[in-house]
């Protein structure tokens, strides 16, 4: 069974209530998130108990906090390997104009 803790351990980015969050920390003290919503800095803090009680709905995690319920989506960044870059440049024709 997948838990939010397991999902957070392997993700690179989060969507929090539809907003992208690259700056987050997940450790034994819980989950801390900072993100920009336009010009406003938003901060979220979830305890280990709140993370443990989060429930999965489709691909979204619903997590309750003092400020209400929030929707989290864990996203893995797509990374190109160095081999892919080398192969792509080798396949380009030399006489390309």
Protein backbone atom coordinates (compact mmCIF):
# COMPACT_ATOMS: atom_id res chain seq x y z
CA UNK A 1 0.00 0.00 0.00
CA UNK A 2 1.37 3.38 -1.00
CA UNK A 3 1.42 6.08 1.65
CA UNK A 4 2.01 9.80 1.32
CA UNK A 5 5.31 9.32 3.15
CA UNK A 6 6.49 6.85 0.48
CA UNK A 7 5.36 9.17 -2.31
CA UNK A 8 7.17 12.16 -0.75
CA UNK A 9 10.44 10.25 -0.43
CA UNK A 10 10.74 9.85 -4.19
CA UNK A 11 9.16 13.00 -5.62
CA UNK A 12 10.97 16.10 -6.88
CA UNK A 13 8.08 18.53 -7.02
CA UNK A 14 4.64 18.96 -5.49
CA UNK A 15 1.42 20.54 -6.57
CA UNK A 16 -0.31 22.05 -3.55
CA UNK A 17 -3.87 23.12 -4.26
CA UNK A 18 -2.86 23.45 -7.93
CA UNK A 19 0.31 25.52 -7.26
CA UNK A 20 3.80 24.21 -8.14
CA UNK A 21 6.17 23.77 -5.21
CA UNK A 22 9.85 23.07 -5.82
CA UNK A 23 10.96 24.20 -2.35
CA UNK A 24 9.86 21.62 0.18
CA UNK A 25 11.42 19.59 2.97
CA UNK A 26 10.21 16.20 4.12
CA UNK A 27 11.86 14.69 7.18
CA UNK A 28 10.98 13.18 10.56
CA UNK A 29 9.49 16.50 11.73
CA UNK A 30 6.98 16.51 8.87
CA UNK A 31 6.53 18.35 5.58
CA UNK A 32 7.35 22.03 5.09
CA UNK A 33 6.51 23.76 1.81
CA UNK A 34 7.17 27.26 0.51
CA UNK A 35 5.84 28.49 -2.82
CA UNK A 36 4.96 31.68 -4.64
CA UNK A 37 1.37 32.44 -5.60
CA UNK A 38 1.85 35.48 -7.79
CA UNK A 39 3.73 37.85 -5.47
CA UNK A 40 2.57 36.18 -2.27
CA UNK A 41 4.77 33.68 -0.44
CA UNK A 42 2.71 30.78 0.89
CA UNK A 43 3.98 28.44 3.58
CA UNK A 44 2.53 25.08 4.54
CA UNK A 45 3.54 22.84 7.44
CA UNK A 46 2.18 19.33 7.94
CA UNK A 47 2.98 17.14 10.94
CA UNK A 48 3.92 13.46 10.69
CA UNK A 49 0.45 12.62 12.06
CA UNK A 50 -1.26 14.69 9.34
CA UNK A 51 0.89 13.00 6.68
CA UNK A 52 0.03 9.58 8.10
CA UNK A 53 -3.69 10.41 7.99
CA UNK A 54 -3.62 11.68 4.37
CA UNK A 55 -5.83 9.76 1.99
CA UNK A 56 -5.32 9.00 -1.67
CA UNK A 57 -8.00 10.10 -4.11
CA UNK A 58 -7.02 9.14 -7.65
CA UNK A 59 -3.51 10.60 -8.02
CA UNK A 60 -4.07 13.30 -5.41
CA UNK A 61 -3.44 13.16 -1.69
CA UNK A 62 -5.93 14.91 0.58
CA UNK A 63 -4.35 16.14 3.78
CA UNK A 64 -6.13 17.93 6.60
CA UNK A 65 -4.49 20.86 8.38
CA UNK A 66 -5.58 23.57 10.78
CA UNK A 67 -6.25 25.80 7.76
CA UNK A 68 -8.51 23.22 6.08
CA UNK A 69 -8.01 20.36 3.66
CA UNK A 70 -5.29 20.60 1.01
CA UNK A 71 -4.72 18.62 -2.17
CA UNK A 72 -1.16 17.40 -2.86
CA UNK A 73 0.14 15.79 -6.03
CA UNK A 74 3.64 14.28 -5.97
CA UNK A 75 5.54 14.70 -9.23
CA UNK A 76 8.80 13.10 -10.35
CA UNK A 77 10.95 15.36 -12.50
CA UNK A 78 11.87 14.12 -15.94
CA UNK A 79 15.61 13.98 -16.40
CA UNK A 80 17.44 13.34 -19.63
CA UNK A 81 20.48 11.16 -19.30
CA UNK A 82 23.82 12.27 -20.67
CA UNK A 83 23.76 9.29 -23.06
CA UNK A 84 20.56 10.61 -24.65
CA UNK A 85 22.26 13.96 -25.33
CA UNK A 86 25.29 12.29 -26.92
CA UNK A 87 23.13 10.02 -29.09
CA UNK A 88 20.99 12.91 -30.31
CA UNK A 89 23.96 14.99 -31.41
CA UNK A 90 25.57 11.99 -33.14
CA UNK A 91 22.41 11.34 -35.14
CA UNK A 92 22.16 14.88 -36.55
CA UNK A 93 23.38 15.11 -40.14
CA UNK A 94 26.65 16.98 -40.56
CA UNK A 95 25.33 18.98 -43.55
CA UNK A 96 22.28 20.29 -41.68
CA UNK A 97 21.56 23.88 -42.60
